[in-house]
């Protein structure tokens, strides 16, 4: 099980790079060269972040991307939800159907507590905090 997928990881890297850049608009070639992420893969991630209102795009010569939100308002959990869906440590399935013991399972209760703790920790991480400024 991966906690953070490649899409989320690359999104975090791109957002951190844009946040710490002294340029108002960061071009895709600058991001590709600095982050060593394949251009088509990165473009797809940036387009999703733009659609979700996390980035703003500027077209034309000198175009690129800028943050649409302040770094302290971009949360890791939001990025995970965008690229990975809702966070779940364990899905209880039994023969492709939901397990009939989910309400009484002692292990599930403990895993749920762990899951809630992990979610709380992930919700506290922002782009600003990753950059050491929040």
N, C-alpha and C. Protein backbone atom coordinates (compact mmCIF):
# COMPACT_ATOMS: atom_id res chain seq x y z
N UNK A 1 0.84 -1.17 0.00
CA UNK A 1 0.00 0.00 0.00
C UNK A 1 0.89 1.24 0.00
N UNK A 2 0.58 2.15 -0.89
CA UNK A 2 1.29 3.41 -0.95
C UNK A 2 0.44 4.48 -0.29
N UNK A 3 1.06 5.25 0.58
CA UNK A 3 0.33 6.35 1.21
C UNK A 3 0.17 7.51 0.24
N UNK A 4 1.23 7.80 -0.50
CA UNK A 4 1.22 8.90 -1.47
C UNK A 4 1.55 8.32 -2.84
N UNK A 5 0.69 8.56 -3.82
CA UNK A 5 0.94 8.07 -5.17
C UNK A 5 1.87 9.02 -5.91
N UNK A 6 2.32 8.58 -7.06
CA UNK A 6 3.22 9.39 -7.87
C UNK A 6 2.55 10.71 -8.29
N UNK A 7 1.27 10.65 -8.64
CA UNK A 7 0.55 11.88 -9.02
C UNK A 7 0.57 12.90 -7.88
N UNK A 8 0.25 12.44 -6.69
CA UNK A 8 0.23 13.34 -5.54
C UNK A 8 1.63 13.86 -5.24
N UNK A 9 2.61 12.99 -5.28
CA UNK A 9 3.99 13.38 -5.04
C UNK A 9 4.43 14.46 -6.03
N UNK A 10 4.17 14.25 -7.31
CA UNK A 10 4.55 15.23 -8.33
C UNK A 10 3.79 16.54 -8.15
N UNK A 11 2.52 16.45 -7.77
CA UNK A 11 1.73 17.67 -7.52
C UNK A 11 2.35 18.47 -6.38
N UNK A 12 2.75 17.79 -5.31
CA UNK A 12 3.37 18.46 -4.17
C UNK A 12 4.68 19.13 -4.60
N UNK A 13 5.49 18.41 -5.35
CA UNK A 13 6.76 18.97 -5.81
C UNK A 13 6.54 20.22 -6.66
N UNK A 14 5.59 20.13 -7.59
CA UNK A 14 5.31 21.27 -8.47
C UNK A 14 4.79 22.46 -7.66
N UNK A 15 3.89 22.22 -6.74
CA UNK A 15 3.33 23.31 -5.94
C UNK A 15 4.40 23.95 -5.06
N UNK A 16 5.26 23.15 -4.48
CA UNK A 16 6.35 23.70 -3.66
C UNK A 16 7.29 24.54 -4.51
N UNK A 17 7.60 24.06 -5.70
CA UNK A 17 8.49 24.80 -6.60
C UNK A 17 7.86 26.15 -6.97
N UNK A 18 6.60 26.13 -7.34
CA UNK A 18 5.90 27.37 -7.71
C UNK A 18 5.82 28.31 -6.51
N UNK A 19 5.53 27.77 -5.34
CA UNK A 19 5.39 28.59 -4.13
C UNK A 19 6.69 29.30 -3.76
N UNK A 20 7.82 28.63 -3.94
CA UNK A 20 9.08 29.25 -3.54
C UNK A 20 9.75 30.03 -4.68
N UNK A 21 9.16 29.99 -5.87
CA UNK A 21 9.72 30.72 -7.00
C UNK A 21 9.56 32.22 -6.80
N UNK A 22 10.53 32.97 -7.29
CA UNK A 22 10.41 34.43 -7.22
C UNK A 22 9.69 34.99 -8.45
N UNK A 23 9.31 34.11 -9.37
CA UNK A 23 8.56 34.52 -10.56
C UNK A 23 7.06 34.52 -10.24
N UNK A 24 6.33 35.44 -10.84
CA UNK A 24 4.88 35.46 -10.64
C UNK A 24 4.23 34.27 -11.34
N UNK A 25 4.75 33.93 -12.51
CA UNK A 25 4.23 32.81 -13.30
C UNK A 25 5.40 31.89 -13.63
N UNK A 26 5.24 30.61 -13.34
CA UNK A 26 6.30 29.63 -13.59
C UNK A 26 5.92 28.83 -14.83
N UNK A 27 6.83 28.77 -15.79
CA UNK A 27 6.55 28.07 -17.04
C UNK A 27 6.69 26.56 -16.87
N UNK A 28 6.00 25.85 -17.74
CA UNK A 28 6.09 24.39 -17.73
C UNK A 28 7.52 23.94 -18.04
N UNK A 29 8.21 24.53 -19.02
CA UNK A 29 9.60 24.12 -19.25
C UNK A 29 10.49 24.29 -18.00
N UNK A 30 10.28 25.36 -17.24
CA UNK A 30 11.05 25.55 -16.00
C UNK A 30 10.75 24.43 -15.00
N UNK A 31 9.48 24.08 -14.88
CA UNK A 31 9.10 23.01 -13.96
C UNK A 31 9.69 21.68 -14.40
N UNK A 32 9.58 21.37 -15.68
CA UNK A 32 10.10 20.10 -16.21
C UNK A 32 11.61 20.01 -15.98
N UNK A 33 12.32 21.09 -16.30
CA UNK A 33 13.78 21.09 -16.16
C UNK A 33 14.21 20.97 -14.70
N UNK A 34 13.52 21.65 -13.82
CA UNK A 34 13.91 21.65 -12.40
C UNK A 34 13.48 20.39 -11.66
N UNK A 35 12.29 19.89 -11.98
CA UNK A 35 11.74 18.76 -11.23
C UNK A 35 12.01 17.41 -11.87
N UNK A 36 12.45 17.42 -13.13
CA UNK A 36 12.75 16.17 -13.85
C UNK A 36 11.51 15.25 -13.92
N UNK A 37 10.37 15.88 -14.17
CA UNK A 37 9.11 15.14 -14.34
C UNK A 37 8.78 15.16 -15.83
N UNK A 38 8.40 14.01 -16.43
CA UNK A 38 8.06 14.01 -17.85
C UNK A 38 6.97 15.05 -18.17
N UNK A 39 7.19 15.82 -19.22
CA UNK A 39 6.31 16.93 -19.57
C UNK A 39 4.83 16.53 -19.69
N UNK A 40 4.48 15.46 -20.44
CA UNK A 40 3.05 15.13 -20.57
C UNK A 40 2.41 14.78 -19.22
N UNK A 41 3.16 14.09 -18.39
CA UNK A 41 2.68 13.71 -17.06
C UNK A 41 2.45 14.96 -16.20
N UNK A 42 3.43 15.87 -16.23
CA UNK A 42 3.33 17.10 -15.45
C UNK A 42 2.20 17.99 -15.95
N UNK A 43 2.04 18.11 -17.26
CA UNK A 43 0.96 18.94 -17.82
C UNK A 43 -0.40 18.44 -17.34
N UNK A 44 -0.57 17.14 -17.32
CA UNK A 44 -1.84 16.57 -16.86
C UNK A 44 -2.09 16.95 -15.40
N UNK A 45 -1.08 16.84 -14.56
CA UNK A 45 -1.21 17.17 -13.14
C UNK A 45 -1.53 18.65 -12.97
N UNK A 46 -0.81 19.51 -13.71
CA UNK A 46 -1.04 20.95 -13.61
C UNK A 46 -2.44 21.33 -14.08
N UNK A 47 -2.94 20.67 -15.11
CA UNK A 47 -4.29 20.94 -15.59
C UNK A 47 -5.33 20.56 -14.55
N UNK A 48 -5.13 19.44 -13.88
CA UNK A 48 -6.05 19.03 -12.82
C UNK A 48 -6.02 20.05 -11.68
N UNK A 49 -4.84 20.48 -11.27
CA UNK A 49 -4.72 21.47 -10.20
C UNK A 49 -5.35 22.80 -10.61
N UNK A 50 -5.26 23.15 -11.88
CA UNK A 50 -5.89 24.36 -12.40
C UNK A 50 -7.42 24.21 -12.34
N UNK A 51 -7.92 23.09 -12.79
CA UNK A 51 -9.37 22.82 -12.77
C UNK A 51 -9.91 22.83 -11.35
N UNK A 52 -9.13 22.37 -10.39
CA UNK A 52 -9.55 22.30 -8.99
C UNK A 52 -9.38 23.62 -8.25
N UNK A 53 -8.87 24.65 -8.93
CA UNK A 53 -8.73 25.96 -8.32
C UNK A 53 -7.51 26.13 -7.42
N UNK A 54 -6.56 25.23 -7.54
CA UNK A 54 -5.34 25.33 -6.74
C UNK A 54 -4.28 26.14 -7.49
N UNK A 55 -4.28 26.02 -8.81
CA UNK A 55 -3.39 26.81 -9.66
C UNK A 55 -4.21 27.70 -10.58
N UNK A 56 -3.58 28.75 -11.05
CA UNK A 56 -4.13 29.60 -12.11
C UNK A 56 -3.19 29.48 -13.30
N UNK A 57 -3.76 29.45 -14.49
CA UNK A 57 -2.91 29.35 -15.68
C UNK A 57 -2.91 30.67 -16.43
N UNK A 58 -1.79 30.96 -17.04
CA UNK A 58 -1.63 32.14 -17.89
C UNK A 58 -1.16 31.63 -19.24
N UNK A 59 -1.93 31.95 -20.27
CA UNK A 59 -1.60 31.45 -21.60
C UNK A 59 -0.75 32.44 -22.36
N UNK A 60 -0.14 31.96 -23.44
CA UNK A 60 0.63 32.82 -24.32
C UNK A 60 2.09 32.87 -23.94
N UNK A 61 2.81 33.77 -24.64
CA UNK A 61 4.24 33.92 -24.38
C UNK A 61 4.43 34.40 -22.94
N UNK A 62 5.34 33.77 -22.23
CA UNK A 62 5.55 34.10 -20.82
C UNK A 62 4.51 33.47 -19.92
N UNK A 63 3.72 32.55 -20.48
CA UNK A 63 2.66 31.90 -19.73
C UNK A 63 3.18 30.78 -18.84
N UNK A 64 2.29 30.25 -18.06
CA UNK A 64 2.63 29.17 -17.15
C UNK A 64 1.60 29.10 -16.05
N UNK A 65 2.05 28.80 -14.85
CA UNK A 65 1.14 28.60 -13.73
C UNK A 65 1.58 29.40 -12.51
N UNK A 66 0.60 29.80 -11.72
CA UNK A 66 0.85 30.45 -10.43
C UNK A 66 -0.15 29.87 -9.43
N UNK A 67 0.14 30.04 -8.17
CA UNK A 67 -0.77 29.54 -7.14
C UNK A 67 -2.05 30.36 -7.13
N UNK A 68 -3.18 29.69 -7.07
CA UNK A 68 -4.47 30.36 -6.95
C UNK A 68 -4.85 30.53 -5.48
N UNK A 69 -4.17 29.81 -4.61
CA UNK A 69 -4.39 29.90 -3.16
C UNK A 69 -3.04 30.16 -2.50
N UNK A 70 -3.09 30.70 -1.31
CA UNK A 70 -1.86 30.87 -0.54
C UNK A 70 -1.35 29.49 -0.14
N UNK A 71 -0.02 29.32 -0.02
CA UNK A 71 0.54 28.01 0.34
C UNK A 71 -0.01 27.44 1.64
N UNK A 72 -0.38 28.30 2.59
CA UNK A 72 -0.95 27.79 3.85
C UNK A 72 -2.40 27.34 3.71
N UNK A 73 -2.98 27.54 2.53
CA UNK A 73 -4.36 27.10 2.27
C UNK A 73 -4.41 25.91 1.32
N UNK A 74 -3.24 25.36 0.98
CA UNK A 74 -3.19 24.16 0.13
C UNK A 74 -2.76 23.00 1.02
N UNK A 75 -3.69 22.11 1.29
CA UNK A 75 -3.48 21.01 2.23
C UNK A 75 -3.15 19.71 1.51
N UNK A 76 -2.23 18.96 2.10
CA UNK A 76 -1.85 17.65 1.56
C UNK A 76 -3.07 16.75 1.39
N UNK A 77 -3.98 16.78 2.35
CA UNK A 77 -5.16 15.91 2.28
C UNK A 77 -6.02 16.26 1.07
N UNK A 78 -6.12 17.55 0.74
CA UNK A 78 -6.88 17.95 -0.45
C UNK A 78 -6.24 17.38 -1.71
N UNK A 79 -4.92 17.44 -1.78
CA UNK A 79 -4.22 16.89 -2.95
C UNK A 79 -4.41 15.38 -3.03
N UNK A 80 -4.35 14.72 -1.90
CA UNK A 80 -4.57 13.27 -1.89
C UNK A 80 -5.98 12.94 -2.36
N UNK A 81 -6.96 13.71 -1.92
CA UNK A 81 -8.35 13.46 -2.36
C UNK A 81 -8.50 13.68 -3.85
N UNK A 82 -7.84 14.70 -4.39
CA UNK A 82 -7.93 14.98 -5.82
C UNK A 82 -7.32 13.85 -6.64
N UNK A 83 -6.14 13.40 -6.27
CA UNK A 83 -5.42 12.43 -7.10
C UNK A 83 -5.60 10.98 -6.68
N UNK A 84 -6.07 10.73 -5.47
CA UNK A 84 -6.16 9.36 -4.98
C UNK A 84 -7.55 8.97 -4.50
N UNK A 85 -8.41 9.93 -4.29
CA UNK A 85 -9.72 9.65 -3.73
C UNK A 85 -9.64 9.65 -2.21
N UNK A 86 -10.75 9.36 -1.55
CA UNK A 86 -10.78 9.39 -0.08
C UNK A 86 -9.77 8.42 0.54
N UNK A 87 -9.14 8.87 1.61
CA UNK A 87 -8.12 8.06 2.29
C UNK A 87 -8.76 6.94 3.09
N UNK A 88 -8.31 5.72 2.84
CA UNK A 88 -8.77 4.55 3.59
C UNK A 88 -7.58 3.65 3.82
N UNK A 89 -7.36 3.26 5.07
CA UNK A 89 -6.30 2.30 5.36
C UNK A 89 -6.74 0.89 5.03
N UNK A 90 -7.99 0.61 5.24
CA UNK A 90 -8.46 -0.75 5.04
C UNK A 90 -9.90 -0.75 4.58
N UNK A 91 -10.16 -1.47 3.53
CA UNK A 91 -11.52 -1.71 3.08
C UNK A 91 -11.83 -3.15 3.43
N UNK A 92 -12.85 -3.37 4.18
CA UNK A 92 -13.19 -4.72 4.60
C UNK A 92 -14.11 -5.36 3.55
N UNK A 93 -13.54 -6.27 2.77
CA UNK A 93 -14.32 -6.96 1.75
C UNK A 93 -14.23 -8.46 1.96
N UNK A 94 -15.32 -9.10 1.69
CA UNK A 94 -15.41 -10.54 1.82
C UNK A 94 -16.11 -11.04 0.57
N UNK A 95 -15.38 -11.72 -0.30
CA UNK A 95 -15.92 -12.23 -1.56
C UNK A 95 -16.60 -11.12 -2.36
N UNK A 96 -15.90 -9.99 -2.50
CA UNK A 96 -16.35 -8.86 -3.30
C UNK A 96 -17.58 -8.14 -2.73
N UNK A 97 -17.99 -8.50 -1.54
CA UNK A 97 -19.09 -7.79 -0.88
C UNK A 97 -18.54 -7.22 0.42
N UNK A 98 -19.18 -6.20 0.91
CA UNK A 98 -18.74 -5.62 2.16
C UNK A 98 -18.84 -6.68 3.26
N UNK A 99 -17.83 -6.75 4.08
CA UNK A 99 -17.78 -7.74 5.15
C UNK A 99 -18.96 -7.56 6.10
N UNK A 100 -19.65 -8.63 6.46
CA UNK A 100 -20.80 -8.51 7.36
C UNK A 100 -20.42 -8.19 8.81
N UNK A 101 -19.12 -8.26 9.13
CA UNK A 101 -18.68 -8.05 10.50
C UNK A 101 -18.08 -6.65 10.74
N UNK A 102 -18.29 -5.73 9.85
CA UNK A 102 -17.63 -4.42 9.99
C UNK A 102 -18.03 -3.71 11.28
N UNK A 103 -19.22 -3.89 11.75
CA UNK A 103 -19.65 -3.19 12.97
C UNK A 103 -19.15 -3.86 14.24
N UNK A 104 -18.85 -5.15 14.19
CA UNK A 104 -18.41 -5.86 15.39
C UNK A 104 -16.94 -6.27 15.37
N UNK A 105 -16.28 -6.04 14.27
CA UNK A 105 -14.88 -6.47 14.12
C UNK A 105 -13.97 -5.63 15.03
N UNK A 106 -13.25 -6.32 15.91
CA UNK A 106 -12.36 -5.65 16.84
C UNK A 106 -11.14 -5.04 16.13
N UNK A 107 -10.64 -5.71 15.12
CA UNK A 107 -9.51 -5.20 14.37
C UNK A 107 -9.92 -3.94 13.61
N UNK A 108 -11.09 -3.94 13.02
CA UNK A 108 -11.57 -2.79 12.26
C UNK A 108 -11.67 -1.55 13.14
N UNK A 109 -12.11 -1.72 14.39
CA UNK A 109 -12.22 -0.60 15.31
C UNK A 109 -10.85 0.03 15.56
N UNK A 110 -9.83 -0.80 15.74
CA UNK A 110 -8.47 -0.29 15.96
C UNK A 110 -7.93 0.38 14.70
N UNK A 111 -8.16 -0.25 13.58
CA UNK A 111 -7.69 0.33 12.32
C UNK A 111 -8.39 1.67 12.06
N UNK A 112 -9.65 1.77 12.40
CA UNK A 112 -10.38 3.03 12.23
C UNK A 112 -9.78 4.15 13.08
N UNK A 113 -9.37 3.82 14.30
CA UNK A 113 -8.72 4.83 15.16
C UNK A 113 -7.39 5.27 14.56
N UNK A 114 -6.63 4.32 14.05
CA UNK A 114 -5.35 4.65 13.40
C UNK A 114 -5.61 5.52 12.17
N UNK A 115 -6.61 5.14 11.40
CA UNK A 115 -6.97 5.89 10.19
C UNK A 115 -7.34 7.33 10.53
N UNK A 116 -8.12 7.53 11.57
CA UNK A 116 -8.51 8.89 11.98
C UNK A 116 -7.30 9.70 12.42
N UNK A 117 -6.35 9.07 13.12
CA UNK A 117 -5.13 9.75 13.53
C UNK A 117 -4.32 10.17 12.31
N UNK A 118 -4.15 9.27 11.36
CA UNK A 118 -3.38 9.56 10.15
C UNK A 118 -4.05 10.69 9.37
N UNK A 119 -5.35 10.64 9.23
CA UNK A 119 -6.08 11.70 8.52
C UNK A 119 -5.86 13.05 9.20
N UNK A 120 -5.93 13.08 10.51
CA UNK A 120 -5.72 14.34 11.25
C UNK A 120 -4.32 14.88 10.99
N UNK A 121 -3.33 14.00 10.97
CA UNK A 121 -1.96 14.44 10.71
C UNK A 121 -1.82 14.96 9.28
N UNK A 122 -2.40 14.26 8.32
CA UNK A 122 -2.31 14.66 6.92
C UNK A 122 -3.04 15.99 6.68
N UNK A 123 -4.15 16.21 7.40
CA UNK A 123 -4.90 17.45 7.24
C UNK A 123 -4.14 18.66 7.77
N UNK A 124 -3.14 18.43 8.60
CA UNK A 124 -2.39 19.55 9.16
C UNK A 124 -1.20 19.96 8.28
N UNK A 125 -0.90 19.19 7.26
CA UNK A 125 0.26 19.48 6.40
C UNK A 125 -0.19 20.36 5.23
N UNK A 126 0.50 21.49 5.07
CA UNK A 126 0.23 22.40 3.98
C UNK A 126 1.50 22.57 3.13
N UNK A 127 1.35 23.17 1.99
CA UNK A 127 2.52 23.49 1.17
C UNK A 127 3.44 24.43 1.96
N UNK A 128 2.86 25.39 2.67
CA UNK A 128 3.67 26.31 3.48
C UNK A 128 4.46 25.56 4.55
N UNK A 129 3.83 24.59 5.20
CA UNK A 129 4.54 23.85 6.25
C UNK A 129 5.65 22.99 5.67
N UNK A 130 5.47 22.49 4.46
CA UNK A 130 6.53 21.71 3.82
C UNK A 130 7.72 22.60 3.45
N UNK A 131 7.44 23.87 3.19
CA UNK A 131 8.49 24.82 2.86
C UNK A 131 9.10 25.45 4.10
N UNK A 132 8.55 25.10 5.27
CA UNK A 132 9.07 25.63 6.52
C UNK A 132 8.58 27.03 6.84
N UNK A 133 7.51 27.45 6.18
CA UNK A 133 7.00 28.81 6.44
C UNK A 133 5.58 28.81 6.97
N UNK A 134 5.13 27.68 7.49
CA UNK A 134 3.77 27.69 7.99
C UNK A 134 3.49 26.61 8.96
